[in-house]
C-alpha atoms as a PDB file:
ATOM      1  CA  UNK A   1       0.000   0.000   0.000  1.00  0.00           C
ATOM      2  CA  UNK A   2       1.191   3.508  -0.810  1.00  0.00           C
ATOM      3  CA  UNK A   3       2.259   5.071   2.498  1.00  0.00           C
ATOM      4  CA  UNK A   4       0.397   8.278   1.626  1.00  0.00           C
ATOM      5  CA  UNK A   5      -2.849   6.274   1.428  1.00  0.00           C
ATOM      6  CA  UNK A   6      -2.336   4.307   4.644  1.00  0.00           C
ATOM      7  CA  UNK A   7      -4.427   6.746   6.665  1.00  0.00           C
ATOM      8  CA  UNK A   8      -7.397   6.110   4.363  1.00  0.00           C
ATOM      9  CA  UNK A   9      -7.301   2.306   4.721  1.00  0.00           C
ATOM     10  CA  UNK A  10     -10.516   2.232   6.805  1.00  0.00           C
ATOM     11  CA  UNK A  11     -12.287   5.098   5.032  1.00  0.00           C
ATOM     12  CA  UNK A  12     -14.692   2.711   3.308  1.00  0.00           C
ATOM     13  CA  UNK A  13     -15.928   1.505   6.697  1.00  0.00           C
ATOM     14  CA  UNK A  14     -16.535   5.034   7.957  1.00  0.00           C
ATOM     15  CA  UNK A  15     -18.507   5.762   4.785  1.00  0.00           C
ATOM     16  CA  UNK A  16     -21.215   3.424   6.068  1.00  0.00           C
ATOM     17  CA  UNK A  17     -22.233   6.114   8.579  1.00  0.00           C
ATOM     18  CA  UNK A  18     -23.301   8.639   5.899  1.00  0.00           C
ATOM     19  CA  UNK A  19     -25.361   5.895   4.277  1.00  0.00           C
ATOM     20  CA  UNK A  20     -27.220   5.243   7.520  1.00  0.00           C
ATOM     21  CA  UNK A  21     -27.969   8.957   7.857  1.00  0.00           C
ATOM     22  CA  UNK A  22     -29.102   9.181   4.227  1.00  0.00           C
ATOM     23  CA  UNK A  23     -31.553   6.309   4.649  1.00  0.00           C
ATOM     24  CA  UNK A  24     -33.005   7.762   7.863  1.00  0.00           C
ATOM     25  CA  UNK A  25     -33.151  11.338   6.558  1.00  0.00           C
ATOM     26  CA  UNK A  26     -34.810  10.611   3.231  1.00  0.00           C
ATOM     27  CA  UNK A  27     -37.195   7.845   4.309  1.00  0.00           C
ATOM     28  CA  UNK A  28     -40.190  10.102   5.152  1.00  0.00           C
ATOM     29  CA  UNK A  29     -39.598  12.704   2.429  1.00  0.00           C
ATOM     30  CA  UNK A  30     -38.432  10.576  -0.464  1.00  0.00           C
ATOM     31  CA  UNK A  31     -38.400   6.794  -0.053  1.00  0.00           C
ATOM     32  CA  UNK A  32     -41.942   6.706   1.364  1.00  0.00           C
ATOM     33  CA  UNK A  33     -43.218   9.061  -1.353  1.00  0.00           C
ATOM     34  CA  UNK A  34     -41.104   7.632  -4.168  1.00  0.00           C
ATOM     35  CA  UNK A  35     -43.978   6.932  -6.553  1.00  0.00           C
ATOM     36  CA  UNK A  36     -45.241  10.524  -6.442  1.00  0.00           C
ATOM     37  CA  UNK A  37     -41.898  12.319  -6.761  1.00  0.00           C
ATOM     38  CA  UNK A  38     -41.106  14.073 -10.092  1.00  0.00           C
ATOM     39  CA  UNK A  39     -38.436  12.719 -12.413  1.00  0.00           C
ATOM     40  CA  UNK A  40     -35.818  15.464 -11.665  1.00  0.00           C
ATOM     41  CA  UNK A  41     -35.917  14.421  -7.988  1.00  0.00           C
ATOM     42  CA  UNK A  42     -35.311  10.794  -8.950  1.00  0.00           C
ATOM     43  CA  UNK A  43     -32.439  11.764 -11.233  1.00  0.00           C
ATOM     44  CA  UNK A  44     -30.748  13.731  -8.488  1.00  0.00           C
ATOM     45  CA  UNK A  45     -31.411  11.159  -5.766  1.00  0.00           C
ATOM     46  CA  UNK A  46     -30.137   8.234  -7.834  1.00  0.00           C
ATOM     47  CA  UNK A  47     -27.024  10.049  -9.064  1.00  0.00           C
ATOM     48  CA  UNK A  48     -26.203  11.321  -5.570  1.00  0.00           C
ATOM     49  CA  UNK A  49     -26.635   7.881  -4.004  1.00  0.00           C
ATOM     50  CA  UNK A  50     -24.470   6.382  -6.748  1.00  0.00           C
ATOM     51  CA  UNK A  51     -21.791   8.969  -5.925  1.00  0.00           C
ATOM     52  CA  UNK A  52     -21.880   8.091  -2.223  1.00  0.00           C
ATOM     53  CA  UNK A  53     -21.618   4.422  -3.170  1.00  0.00           C
ATOM     54  CA  UNK A  54     -18.540   5.327  -5.191  1.00  0.00           C
ATOM     55  CA  UNK A  55     -17.050   7.125  -2.182  1.00  0.00           C
ATOM     56  CA  UNK A  56     -17.518   3.923  -0.214  1.00  0.00           C
ATOM     57  CA  UNK A  57     -15.957   1.652  -2.836  1.00  0.00           C
ATOM     58  CA  UNK A  58     -13.060   3.778  -4.092  1.00  0.00           C
ATOM     59  CA  UNK A  59     -11.051   4.050  -0.834  1.00  0.00           C
ATOM     60  CA  UNK A  60     -11.202   0.280  -0.470  1.00  0.00           C
ATOM     61  CA  UNK A  61      -9.944  -0.310  -4.017  1.00  0.00           C
ATOM     62  CA  UNK A  62      -7.169   2.261  -3.704  1.00  0.00           C
ATOM     63  CA  UNK A  63      -5.868   0.954  -0.368  1.00  0.00           C
ATOM     64  CA  UNK A  64      -6.137  -2.752  -1.185  1.00  0.00           C
ATOM     65  CA  UNK A  65      -4.016  -2.896  -4.319  1.00  0.00           C
ATOM     66  CA  UNK A  66      -6.856  -2.660  -6.813  1.00  0.00           C
ATOM     67  CA  UNK A  67      -5.687   0.517  -8.537  1.00  0.00           C
ATOM     68  CA  UNK A  68      -6.778  -0.570 -12.002  1.00  0.00           C
ATOM     69  CA  UNK A  69     -10.369  -0.994 -10.858  1.00  0.00           C
ATOM     70  CA  UNK A  70     -10.068   2.250  -8.912  1.00  0.00           C
ATOM     71  CA  UNK A  71      -9.161   4.143 -12.092  1.00  0.00           C
ATOM     72  CA  UNK A  72     -11.965   2.541 -14.105  1.00  0.00           C
ATOM     73  CA  UNK A  73     -14.570   3.495 -11.497  1.00  0.00           C
ATOM     74  CA  UNK A  74     -12.968   6.929 -11.297  1.00  0.00           C
ATOM     75  CA  UNK A  75     -13.757   7.517 -14.973  1.00  0.00           C
ATOM     76  CA  UNK A  76     -17.339   6.433 -14.371  1.00  0.00           C
ATOM     77  CA  UNK A  77     -17.359   8.811 -11.414  1.00  0.00           C
ATOM     78  CA  UNK A  78     -16.830  11.779 -13.720  1.00  0.00           C
ATOM     79  CA  UNK A  79     -20.167  10.991 -15.352  1.00  0.00           C
ATOM     80  CA  UNK A  80     -21.846  10.596 -11.965  1.00  0.00           C
ATOM     81  CA  UNK A  81     -20.392  13.873 -10.664  1.00  0.00           C
ATOM     82  CA  UNK A  82     -21.795  15.745 -13.655  1.00  0.00           C
ATOM     83  CA  UNK A  83     -25.182  14.132 -13.106  1.00  0.00           C
ATOM     84  CA  UNK A  84     -25.136  15.134  -9.425  1.00  0.00           C
ATOM     85  CA  UNK A  85     -24.287  18.777 -10.193  1.00  0.00           C
ATOM     86  CA  UNK A  86     -26.695  19.376 -13.044  1.00  0.00           C
ATOM     87  CA  UNK A  87     -29.586  17.438 -11.521  1.00  0.00           C
ATOM     88  CA  UNK A  88     -29.134  19.424  -8.286  1.00  0.00           C
ATOM     89  CA  UNK A  89     -29.156  22.723 -10.160  1.00  0.00           C
ATOM     90  CA  UNK A  90     -32.259  21.650 -12.089  1.00  0.00           C
ATOM     91  CA  UNK A  91     -34.322  21.269  -8.903  1.00  0.00           C
ATOM     92  CA  UNK A  92     -33.087  24.433  -7.164  1.00  0.00           C
ATOM     93  CA  UNK A  93     -35.928  26.544  -8.681  1.00  0.00           C
ATOM     94  CA  UNK A  94     -38.425  24.290  -6.891  1.00  0.00           C
ATOM     95  CA  UNK A  95     -37.470  26.062  -3.662  1.00  0.00           C
ATOM     96  CA  UNK A  96     -38.642  29.369  -5.137  1.00  0.00           C
ATOM     97  CA  UNK A  97     -42.034  27.848  -5.853  1.00  0.00           C
ATOM     98  CA  UNK A  98     -42.319  26.360  -2.355  1.00  0.00           C
ATOM     99  CA  UNK A  99     -41.321  29.703  -0.834  1.00  0.00           C
ATOM    100  CA  UNK A 100     -43.881  31.530  -2.970  1.00  0.00           C
ATOM    101  CA  UNK A 101     -46.718  29.264  -1.820  1.00  0.00           C
ATOM    102  CA  UNK A 102     -45.969  29.932   1.856  1.00  0.00           C
ATOM    103  CA  UNK A 103     -43.283  27.327   2.481  1.00  0.00           C
ATOM    104  CA  UNK A 104     -43.824  24.311   4.711  1.00  0.00           C
ATOM    105  CA  UNK A 105     -45.585  25.897   7.670  1.00  0.00           C
ATOM    106  CA  UNK A 106     -45.527  25.812  10.610  1.00  0.00           C
ATOM    107  CA  UNK A 107     -41.924  24.688  10.911  1.00  0.00           C
ATOM    108  CA  UNK A 108     -40.471  25.737   7.555  1.00  0.00           C
ATOM    109  CA  UNK A 109     -41.300  29.347   6.686  1.00  0.00           C
ATOM    110  CA  UNK A 110     -40.974  30.687   3.119  1.00  0.00           C
ATOM    111  CA  UNK A 111     -37.622  32.292   4.016  1.00  0.00           C
ATOM    112  CA  UNK A 112     -36.154  28.840   4.590  1.00  0.00           C
ATOM    113  CA  UNK A 113     -36.831  27.755   1.009  1.00  0.00           C
ATOM    114  CA  UNK A 114     -35.841  31.072  -0.536  1.00  0.00           C
ATOM    115  CA  UNK A 115     -32.578  30.893   1.387  1.00  0.00           C
ATOM    116  CA  UNK A 116     -31.926  27.345   0.210  1.00  0.00           C
ATOM    117  CA  UNK A 117     -31.713  28.614  -3.358  1.00  0.00           C
ATOM    118  CA  UNK A 118     -28.502  30.423  -2.426  1.00  0.00           C
ATOM    119  CA  UNK A 119     -26.983  28.121   0.180  1.00  0.00           C
ATOM    120  CA  UNK A 120     -27.678  24.866  -1.668  1.00  0.00           C
ATOM    121  CA  UNK A 121     -26.287  26.338  -4.887  1.00  0.00           C
ATOM    122  CA  UNK A 122     -23.122  27.209  -2.967  1.00  0.00           C
ATOM    123  CA  UNK A 123     -22.885  23.595  -1.791  1.00  0.00           C
ATOM    124  CA  UNK A 124     -23.335  22.281  -5.344  1.00  0.00           C
ATOM    125  CA  UNK A 125     -20.610  24.580  -6.653  1.00  0.00           C
ATOM    126  CA  UNK A 126     -18.327  23.468  -3.814  1.00  0.00           C
ATOM    127  CA  UNK A 127     -18.980  19.845  -4.740  1.00  0.00           C
ATOM    128  CA  UNK A 128     -18.136  20.534  -8.374  1.00  0.00           C
ATOM    129  CA  UNK A 129     -14.937  22.376  -7.406  1.00  0.00           C
ATOM    130  CA  UNK A 130     -13.850  19.468  -5.191  1.00  0.00           C
ATOM    131  CA  UNK A 131     -14.358  16.984  -8.026  1.00  0.00           C
ATOM    132  CA  UNK A 132     -12.359  19.163 -10.427  1.00  0.00           C
ATOM    133  CA  UNK A 133      -9.518  19.510  -7.921  1.00  0.00           C
ATOM    134  CA  UNK A 134      -9.555  15.732  -7.350  1.00  0.00           C
ATOM    135  CA  UNK A 135      -9.199  15.167 -11.100  1.00  0.00           C
ATOM    136  CA  UNK A 136      -6.410  17.735 -11.419  1.00  0.00           C
ATOM    137  CA  UNK A 137      -4.553  15.973  -8.590  1.00  0.00           C
ATOM    138  CA  UNK A 138      -5.290  12.435  -9.788  1.00  0.00           C
ATOM    139  CA  UNK A 139      -1.552  11.632  -9.920  1.00  0.00           C
ATOM    140  CA  UNK A 140      -0.979  12.900  -6.382  1.00  0.00           C
ATOM    141  CA  UNK A 141      -2.692  10.236  -4.232  1.00  0.00           C
ATOM    142  CA  UNK A 142      -2.836  12.217  -1.000  1.00  0.00           C
ATOM    143  CA  UNK A 143      -4.200  15.381  -2.641  1.00  0.00           C
ATOM    144  CA  UNK A 144      -6.617  13.378  -4.759  1.00  0.00           C
ATOM    145  CA  UNK A 145      -7.915  11.569  -1.677  1.00  0.00           C
ATOM    146  CA  UNK A 146      -8.556  14.667   0.444  1.00  0.00           C
ATOM    147  CA  UNK A 147     -10.402  16.452  -2.377  1.00  0.00           C
ATOM    148  CA  UNK A 148     -12.519  13.372  -3.030  1.00  0.00           C
ATOM    149  CA  UNK A 149     -13.283  13.135   0.672  1.00  0.00           C
ATOM    150  CA  UNK A 150     -14.370  16.768   0.706  1.00  0.00           C
ATOM    151  CA  UNK A 151     -17.086  16.009  -1.882  1.00  0.00           C
ATOM    152  CA  UNK A 152     -18.802  14.221   1.003  1.00  0.00           C
ATOM    153  CA  UNK A 153     -18.790  17.418   3.080  1.00  0.00           C
ATOM    154  CA  UNK A 154     -20.150  19.548   0.235  1.00  0.00           C
ATOM    155  CA  UNK A 155     -22.681  17.022  -1.010  1.00  0.00           C
ATOM    156  CA  UNK A 156     -23.967  15.707   2.294  1.00  0.00           C
ATOM    157  CA  UNK A 157     -25.814  18.802   3.537  1.00  0.00           C
ATOM    158  CA  UNK A 158     -29.266  17.941   2.092  1.00  0.00           C
ATOM    159  CA  UNK A 159     -29.204  14.623   3.963  1.00  0.00           C
ATOM    160  CA  UNK A 160     -27.700  16.087   7.135  1.00  0.00           C
ATOM    161  CA  UNK A 161     -30.173  18.993   7.220  1.00  0.00           C
ATOM    162  CA  UNK A 162     -33.107  16.591   6.932  1.00  0.00           C
ATOM    163  CA  UNK A 163     -31.542  14.342   9.554  1.00  0.00           C
ATOM    164  CA  UNK A 164     -31.149  17.068  12.186  1.00  0.00           C
ATOM    165  CA  UNK A 165     -34.648  18.349  11.381  1.00  0.00           C
ATOM    166  CA  UNK A 166     -36.124  14.875  11.755  1.00  0.00           C
ATOM    167  CA  UNK A 167     -37.632  15.706  15.193  1.00  0.00           C
ATOM    168  CA  UNK A 168     -39.803  18.383  13.563  1.00  0.00           C
ATOM    169  CA  UNK A 169     -41.799  15.672  11.837  1.00  0.00           C
ATOM    170  CA  UNK A 170     -43.040  14.500  15.237  1.00  0.00           C
ATOM    171  CA  UNK A 171     -44.004  17.905  16.653  1.00  0.00           C
ATOM    172  CA  UNK A 172     -47.433  19.461  16.326  1.00  0.00           C
ATOM    173  CA  UNK A 173     -48.235  23.163  16.244  1.00  0.00           C
ATOM    174  CA  UNK A 174     -48.695  23.276  20.005  1.00  0.00           C
ATOM    175  CA  UNK A 175     -45.192  21.939  20.725  1.00  0.00           C
ATOM    176  CA  UNK A 176     -42.981  24.332  18.826  1.00  0.00           C
ATOM    177  CA  UNK A 177     -39.996  23.987  21.122  1.00  0.00           C
ATOM    178  CA  UNK A 178     -37.857  23.552  18.015  1.00  0.00           C
ATOM    179  CA  UNK A 179     -37.961  25.253  14.616  1.00  0.00           C
ATOM    180  CA  UNK A 180     -35.930  25.145  11.410  1.00  0.00           C
ATOM    181  CA  UNK A 181     -33.429  27.785  12.540  1.00  0.00           C
ATOM    182  CA  UNK A 182     -32.860  26.042  15.874  1.00  0.00           C
ATOM    183  CA  UNK A 183     -32.162  22.794  14.032  1.00  0.00           C
ATOM    184  CA  UNK A 184     -29.640  24.584  11.811  1.00  0.00           C
ATOM    185  CA  UNK A 185     -28.062  26.236  14.854  1.00  0.00           C
ATOM    186  CA  UNK A 186     -27.516  22.789  16.351  1.00  0.00           C
ATOM    187  CA  UNK A 187     -26.805  20.710  13.265  1.00  0.00           C
ATOM    188  CA  UNK A 188     -24.394  22.961  11.364  1.00  0.00           C
ATOM    189  CA  UNK A 189     -21.877  23.422  14.236  1.00  0.00           C
ATOM    190  CA  UNK A 190     -22.000  19.657  14.874  1.00  0.00           C
ATOM    191  CA  UNK A 191     -21.198  18.962  11.249  1.00  0.00           C
ATOM    192  CA  UNK A 192     -18.378  21.512  11.276  1.00  0.00           C
ATOM    193  CA  UNK A 193     -16.923  19.798  14.351  1.00  0.00           C
ATOM    194  CA  UNK A 194     -16.906  16.513  12.441  1.00  0.00           C
ATOM    195  CA  UNK A 195     -15.078  18.143   9.522  1.00  0.00           C
ATOM    196  CA  UNK A 196     -12.564  19.719  11.912  1.00  0.00           C
ATOM    197  CA  UNK A 197     -12.010  16.374  13.637  1.00  0.00           C
ATOM    198  CA  UNK A 198     -11.421  14.587  10.336  1.00  0.00           C
ATOM    199  CA  UNK A 199      -9.080  17.330   9.170  1.00  0.00           C
ATOM    200  CA  UNK A 200      -7.175  17.064  12.442  1.00  0.00           C
ATOM    201  CA  UNK A 201      -6.896  13.270  12.274  1.00  0.00           C
ATOM    202  CA  UNK A 202      -5.620  13.474   8.694  1.00  0.00           C
ATOM    203  CA  UNK A 203      -3.228  16.313   9.653  1.00  0.00           C
ATOM    204  CA  UNK A 204      -4.862  18.479   6.993  1.00  0.00           C
ATOM    205  CA  UNK A 205      -6.743  20.982   9.096  1.00  0.00           C
ATOM    206  CA  UNK A 206      -5.383  23.874   7.003  1.00  0.00           C
ATOM    207  CA  UNK A 207      -5.849  22.155   3.663  1.00  0.00           C
ATOM    208  CA  UNK A 208      -8.022  24.145   1.202  1.00  0.00           C
ATOM    209  CA  UNK A 209     -10.441  21.215   0.907  1.00  0.00           C
ATOM    210  CA  UNK A 210     -11.088  21.256   4.664  1.00  0.00           C
ATOM    211  CA  UNK A 211     -11.143  25.049   4.981  1.00  0.00           C
ATOM    212  CA  UNK A 212     -13.576  25.477   2.081  1.00  0.00           C
ATOM    213  CA  UNK A 213     -15.769  22.674   3.416  1.00  0.00           C
ATOM    214  CA  UNK A 214     -16.043  24.425   6.776  1.00  0.00           C
ATOM    215  CA  UNK A 215     -16.709  27.808   5.153  1.00  0.00           C
ATOM    216  CA  UNK A 216     -19.387  26.557   2.769  1.00  0.00           C
ATOM    217  CA  UNK A 217     -21.142  24.552   5.494  1.00  0.00           C
ATOM    218  CA  UNK A 218     -21.004  27.564   7.836  1.00  0.00           C
ATOM    219  CA  UNK A 219     -22.908  29.596   5.235  1.00  0.00           C
ATOM    220  CA  UNK A 220     -25.850  27.214   5.721  1.00  0.00           C
ATOM    221  CA  UNK A 221     -26.443  28.832   9.129  1.00  0.00           C
ATOM    222  CA  UNK A 222     -27.657  31.949   7.316  1.00  0.00           C
ATOM    223  CA  UNK A 223     -30.177  30.185   5.103  1.00  0.00           C
ATOM    224  CA  UNK A 224     -33.201  31.834   6.718  1.00  0.00           C
ATOM    225  CA  UNK A 225     -31.732  35.342   7.239  1.00  0.00           C
ATOM    226  CA  UNK A 226     -30.769  35.386   3.563  1.00  0.00           C
ATOM    227  CA  UNK A 227     -34.194  34.123   2.558  1.00  0.00           C
ATOM    228  CA  UNK A 228     -35.910  36.902   4.537  1.00  0.00           C
ATOM    229  CA  UNK A 229     -34.359  39.636   2.383  1.00  0.00           C
ATOM    230  CA  UNK A 230     -37.145  41.052   0.212  1.00  0.00           C
ATOM    231  CA  UNK A 231     -34.842  42.246  -2.572  1.00  0.00           C
ATOM    232  CA  UNK A 232     -33.237  38.812  -2.674  1.00  0.00           C
ATOM    233  CA  UNK A 233     -36.614  37.058  -2.950  1.00  0.00           C
ATOM    234  CA  UNK A 234     -37.577  39.277  -5.876  1.00  0.00           C
ATOM    235  CA  UNK A 235     -34.214  38.777  -7.546  1.00  0.00           C
ATOM    236  CA  UNK A 236     -34.149  34.999  -7.431  1.00  0.00           C
ATOM    237  CA  UNK A 237     -37.821  34.789  -8.401  1.00  0.00           C
ATOM    238  CA  UNK A 238     -37.032  36.832 -11.503  1.00  0.00           C
ATOM    239  CA  UNK A 239     -33.951  34.722 -12.283  1.00  0.00           C
ATOM    240  CA  UNK A 240     -35.568  31.347 -11.633  1.00  0.00           C
ATOM    241  CA  UNK A 241     -38.994  32.073 -13.144  1.00  0.00           C
ATOM    242  CA  UNK A 242     -38.143  30.679 -16.624  1.00  0.00           C
ATOM    243  CA  UNK A 243     -37.206  27.372 -14.992  1.00  0.00           C
ATOM    244  CA  UNK A 244     -40.454  27.095 -13.011  1.00  0.00           C
ATOM    245  CA  UNK A 245     -43.509  25.664 -14.811  1.00  0.00           C
ATOM    246  CA  UNK A 246     -45.915  27.451 -12.462  1.00  0.00           C
ATOM    247  CA  UNK A 247     -47.061  31.021 -12.763  1.00  0.00           C
ATOM    248  CA  UNK A 248     -45.588  33.056  -9.886  1.00  0.00           C
END
């Protein structure tokens, strides 16, 4: 095994944890409503899950002497990464529609969905940047590995946000001891701590992949304040309107 990859030898086992969170987070809002979800949602969900499966398989191949298979799946991964990015961007305008029809009251106000247009787009762009940097550094195993790992941090927020907001599904209007912003205030710092811990363990706390991951995730804290800006709501509605089939 390449000494630079030794620290990633158990990465495939740790990748099981994100899969558990994904299954829990998307069960009520996707898996249980699968038959009624529109095709763009399926395209994004399937491509994203395929990418996370790749993140589970690739570390194992690379650290167990199966470099040829690793490279083959890496080429397939380029196709999957493009599908993840463009399918994610295609469903971003849906948040404008949900915000315009009064959001998901009582726990998810319109500002939450308007804000997601900005913060989720930032996450998608971060994911795309990480993939590009991983490709550029494909002949530098350590650099390639850390950039690939960071795609998890950028691409995992939709699942993590739903996971930390899971308790809201069991609260009625009379028990509003927790709201969307409170969930973000708890969940985002926890996620940042995980990124910091991983960066520390890998001795890459100051690496651009880790720093950008922390920065882009931190921006998620301001999803609702951004979404409350009236000028911003009007701007993104005007920009996104051609991509929305409904009349706003």
